[in-house]
Amino acid sequence: LQKELLKYKQEARNLQGIKDALQQRLIQQDASVLQLKQELLRANMDKEELHNQNVDLQRKVEERNRLLAEYKKELCQKDRHLQQHQTKLDEMLRQLSEATYQQVDLERELEHKEALLAHCMKREDEE
């Protein structure tokens, strides 16, 4: 009985050692799991933050695209107005050019008539 008791005590000590080692290992694994959970939580928070930043950037891009479309529309309108004004300016320059030619013709005609008048006056004076 004494031997058997010693044997069971030894077996109980061995089992207690195994139990302690397993408990220690379980504590380490729990700590590792807790650390992994914290890292997962941080990663999820980072992912959510990145998602929010992405949504914000997409909103800004859409706003800029909208503004760009408005600016392009305004620019097209201004180009049309500029083209209309350029057409009017070209027409006015053409009319001015015609008027200048007419003025030159009239001035030549006037000079010619003045010369004729002077010639006639000179002839009249001589007569």
C-alpha atoms as a PDB file:
ATOM      1  CA  LEU A   1       0.000   0.000   0.000  1.00  0.00           C
ATOM      2  CA  GLN A   2       2.871   2.280   0.865  1.00  0.00           C
ATOM      3  CA  LYS A   3       4.478   1.681  -2.534  1.00  0.00           C
ATOM      4  CA  GLU A   4       1.201   2.072  -4.259  1.00  0.00           C
ATOM      5  CA  LEU A   5       0.563   5.336  -2.382  1.00  0.00           C
ATOM      6  CA  LEU A   6       4.008   6.631  -3.382  1.00  0.00           C
ATOM      7  CA  LYS A   7       3.316   5.570  -6.967  1.00  0.00           C
ATOM      8  CA  TYR A   8      -0.013   7.412  -6.986  1.00  0.00           C
ATOM      9  CA  LYS A   9       1.529  10.445  -5.314  1.00  0.00           C
ATOM     10  CA  GLN A  10       4.262  10.456  -7.981  1.00  0.00           C
ATOM     11  CA  GLU A  11       1.629  10.060 -10.676  1.00  0.00           C
ATOM     12  CA  ALA A  12      -0.414  12.882  -9.084  1.00  0.00           C
ATOM     13  CA  ARG A  13       2.719  15.121  -9.033  1.00  0.00           C
ATOM     14  CA  ASN A  14       3.382  14.284 -12.683  1.00  0.00           C
ATOM     15  CA  LEU A  15      -0.211  14.991 -13.568  1.00  0.00           C
ATOM     16  CA  GLN A  16      -0.093  18.237 -11.538  1.00  0.00           C
ATOM     17  CA  GLY A  17       3.087  19.249 -13.451  1.00  0.00           C
ATOM     18  CA  ILE A  18       1.385  18.444 -16.758  1.00  0.00           C
ATOM     19  CA  LYS A  19      -1.704  20.340 -15.585  1.00  0.00           C
ATOM     20  CA  ASP A  20       0.419  23.365 -14.555  1.00  0.00           C
ATOM     21  CA  ALA A  21       2.280  23.291 -17.885  1.00  0.00           C
ATOM     22  CA  LEU A  22      -1.006  23.060 -19.791  1.00  0.00           C
ATOM     23  CA  GLN A  23      -2.481  25.904 -17.739  1.00  0.00           C
ATOM     24  CA  GLN A  24       0.616  28.001 -18.438  1.00  0.00           C
ATOM     25  CA  ARG A  25       0.321  27.181 -22.140  1.00  0.00           C
ATOM     26  CA  LEU A  26      -3.401  28.042 -22.031  1.00  0.00           C
ATOM     27  CA  ILE A  27      -2.594  31.388 -20.379  1.00  0.00           C
ATOM     28  CA  GLN A  28      -0.029  32.116 -23.130  1.00  0.00           C
ATOM     29  CA  GLN A  29      -2.516  31.129 -25.821  1.00  0.00           C
ATOM     30  CA  ASP A  30      -5.193  33.312 -24.190  1.00  0.00           C
ATOM     31  CA  ALA A  31      -2.720  36.202 -24.175  1.00  0.00           C
ATOM     32  CA  SER A  32      -1.905  35.525 -27.833  1.00  0.00           C
ATOM     33  CA  VAL A  33      -5.600  35.354 -28.702  1.00  0.00           C
ATOM     34  CA  LEU A  34      -6.194  38.607 -26.826  1.00  0.00           C
ATOM     35  CA  GLN A  35      -3.295  40.249 -28.665  1.00  0.00           C
ATOM     36  CA  LEU A  36      -4.622  38.966 -32.002  1.00  0.00           C
ATOM     37  CA  LYS A  37      -8.083  40.289 -31.138  1.00  0.00           C
ATOM     38  CA  GLN A  38      -6.580  43.692 -30.350  1.00  0.00           C
ATOM     39  CA  GLU A  39      -4.636  43.670 -33.626  1.00  0.00           C
ATOM     40  CA  LEU A  40      -7.787  42.624 -35.487  1.00  0.00           C
ATOM     41  CA  LEU A  41      -9.721  45.428 -33.809  1.00  0.00           C
ATOM     42  CA  ARG A  42      -6.984  47.931 -34.770  1.00  0.00           C
ATOM     43  CA  ALA A  43      -6.933  46.562 -38.314  1.00  0.00           C
ATOM     44  CA  ASN A  44     -10.723  46.865 -38.544  1.00  0.00           C
ATOM     45  CA  MET A  45     -10.574  50.420 -37.214  1.00  0.00           C
ATOM     46  CA  ASP A  46      -7.829  51.257 -39.747  1.00  0.00           C
ATOM     47  CA  LYS A  47      -9.911  49.614 -42.477  1.00  0.00           C
ATOM     48  CA  GLU A  48     -12.962  51.660 -41.458  1.00  0.00           C
ATOM     49  CA  GLU A  49     -10.886  54.837 -41.380  1.00  0.00           C
ATOM     50  CA  LEU A  50      -9.478  54.079 -44.835  1.00  0.00           C
ATOM     51  CA  HIS A  51     -12.998  53.365 -46.083  1.00  0.00           C
ATOM     52  CA  ASN A  52     -14.192  56.709 -44.701  1.00  0.00           C
ATOM     53  CA  GLN A  53     -11.224  58.491 -46.289  1.00  0.00           C
ATOM     54  CA  ASN A  54     -11.968  56.734 -49.574  1.00  0.00           C
ATOM     55  CA  VAL A  55     -15.618  57.802 -49.423  1.00  0.00           C
ATOM     56  CA  ASP A  56     -14.521  61.370 -48.626  1.00  0.00           C
ATOM     57  CA  LEU A  57     -12.029  61.374 -51.505  1.00  0.00           C
ATOM     58  CA  GLN A  58     -14.653  59.990 -53.879  1.00  0.00           C
ATOM     59  CA  ARG A  59     -17.037  62.746 -52.791  1.00  0.00           C
ATOM     60  CA  LYS A  60     -14.338  65.343 -53.398  1.00  0.00           C
ATOM     61  CA  VAL A  61     -13.560  63.868 -56.823  1.00  0.00           C
ATOM     62  CA  GLU A  62     -17.258  63.932 -57.726  1.00  0.00           C
ATOM     63  CA  GLU A  63     -17.501  67.557 -56.544  1.00  0.00           C
ATOM     64  CA  ARG A  64     -14.418  68.505 -58.568  1.00  0.00           C
ATOM     65  CA  ASN A  65     -15.800  66.679 -61.609  1.00  0.00           C
ATOM     66  CA  ARG A  66     -19.068  68.572 -61.215  1.00  0.00           C
ATOM     67  CA  LEU A  67     -17.190  71.878 -60.979  1.00  0.00           C
ATOM     68  CA  LEU A  68     -15.069  70.911 -63.962  1.00  0.00           C
ATOM     69  CA  ALA A  69     -18.200  70.165 -65.981  1.00  0.00           C
ATOM     70  CA  GLU A  70     -19.648  73.549 -64.994  1.00  0.00           C
ATOM     71  CA  TYR A  71     -16.411  75.323 -65.938  1.00  0.00           C
ATOM     72  CA  LYS A  72     -16.336  73.522 -69.284  1.00  0.00           C
ATOM     73  CA  LYS A  73     -19.948  74.550 -69.914  1.00  0.00           C
ATOM     74  CA  GLU A  74     -19.143  78.179 -69.031  1.00  0.00           C
ATOM     75  CA  LEU A  75     -16.052  78.054 -71.212  1.00  0.00           C
ATOM     76  CA  CYS A  76     -18.108  76.761 -74.170  1.00  0.00           C
ATOM     77  CA  GLN A  77     -20.601  79.585 -73.681  1.00  0.00           C
ATOM     78  CA  LYS A  78     -17.798  82.146 -73.545  1.00  0.00           C
ATOM     79  CA  ASP A  79     -16.236  80.606 -76.647  1.00  0.00           C
ATOM     80  CA  ARG A  80     -19.575  80.961 -78.461  1.00  0.00           C
ATOM     81  CA  HIS A  81     -19.869  84.592 -77.350  1.00  0.00           C
ATOM     82  CA  LEU A  82     -16.289  85.218 -78.373  1.00  0.00           C
ATOM     83  CA  GLN A  83     -16.950  83.644 -81.769  1.00  0.00           C
ATOM     84  CA  GLN A  84     -20.057  85.819 -82.201  1.00  0.00           C
ATOM     85  CA  HIS A  85     -18.099  88.935 -81.247  1.00  0.00           C
ATOM     86  CA  GLN A  86     -15.257  87.919 -83.539  1.00  0.00           C
ATOM     87  CA  THR A  87     -17.741  87.547 -86.415  1.00  0.00           C
ATOM     88  CA  LYS A  88     -19.200  90.994 -85.652  1.00  0.00           C
ATOM     89  CA  LEU A  89     -15.712  92.479 -85.414  1.00  0.00           C
ATOM     90  CA  ASP A  90     -14.718  90.932 -88.736  1.00  0.00           C
ATOM     91  CA  GLU A  91     -17.872  92.361 -90.344  1.00  0.00           C
ATOM     92  CA  MET A  92     -17.199  95.808 -88.862  1.00  0.00           C
ATOM     93  CA  LEU A  93     -13.586  95.685 -90.054  1.00  0.00           C
ATOM     94  CA  ARG A  94     -14.805  94.751 -93.530  1.00  0.00           C
ATOM     95  CA  GLN A  95     -17.285  97.642 -93.473  1.00  0.00           C
ATOM     96  CA  LEU A  96     -14.573  99.982 -92.193  1.00  0.00           C
ATOM     97  CA  SER A  97     -12.278  98.833 -94.964  1.00  0.00           C
ATOM     98  CA  GLU A  98     -15.006  99.456 -97.553  1.00  0.00           C
ATOM     99  CA  ALA A  99     -15.711 102.868 -96.030  1.00  0.00           C
ATOM    100  CA  THR A 100     -11.998 103.675 -96.139  1.00  0.00           C
ATOM    101  CA  TYR A 101     -11.821 102.697 -99.811  1.00  0.00           C
ATOM    102  CA  GLN A 102     -14.909 104.806-100.504  1.00  0.00           C
ATOM    103  CA  GLN A 103     -13.378 107.705 -98.593  1.00  0.00           C
ATOM    104  CA  VAL A 104     -10.163 107.408-100.580  1.00  0.00           C
ATOM    105  CA  ASP A 105     -12.178 107.293-103.819  1.00  0.00           C
ATOM    106  CA  LEU A 106     -14.224 110.320-102.739  1.00  0.00           C
ATOM    107  CA  GLU A 107     -11.063 112.216-101.725  1.00  0.00           C
ATOM    108  CA  ARG A 108      -9.506 111.454-105.130  1.00  0.00           C
ATOM    109  CA  GLU A 109     -12.697 112.532-106.835  1.00  0.00           C
ATOM    110  CA  LEU A 110     -12.752 115.697-104.718  1.00  0.00           C
ATOM    111  CA  GLU A 111      -9.119 116.442-105.551  1.00  0.00           C
ATOM    112  CA  HIS A 112      -9.840 115.838-109.210  1.00  0.00           C
ATOM    113  CA  LYS A 113     -12.870 118.159-109.095  1.00  0.00           C
ATOM    114  CA  GLU A 114     -10.888 120.754-107.159  1.00  0.00           C
ATOM    115  CA  ALA A 115      -8.175 120.514-109.785  1.00  0.00           C
ATOM    116  CA  LEU A 116     -10.799 120.895-112.520  1.00  0.00           C
ATOM    117  CA  LEU A 117     -12.334 123.819-110.675  1.00  0.00           C
ATOM    118  CA  ALA A 118      -8.942 125.416-110.231  1.00  0.00           C
ATOM    119  CA  HIS A 119      -8.206 124.813-113.901  1.00  0.00           C
ATOM    120  CA  CYS A 120     -11.576 126.303-114.878  1.00  0.00           C
ATOM    121  CA  MET A 121     -11.033 129.285-112.568  1.00  0.00           C
ATOM    122  CA  LYS A 122      -7.571 129.775-113.998  1.00  0.00           C
ATOM    123  CA  ARG A 123      -8.978 129.650-117.544  1.00  0.00           C
ATOM    124  CA  GLU A 124     -11.752 132.059-116.588  1.00  0.00           C
ATOM    125  CA  ASP A 125      -9.209 134.443-115.099  1.00  0.00           C
ATOM    126  CA  GLU A 126      -7.145 134.220-118.236  1.00  0.00           C
ATOM    127  CA  GLU A 127     -10.184 134.942-120.414  1.00  0.00           C
END
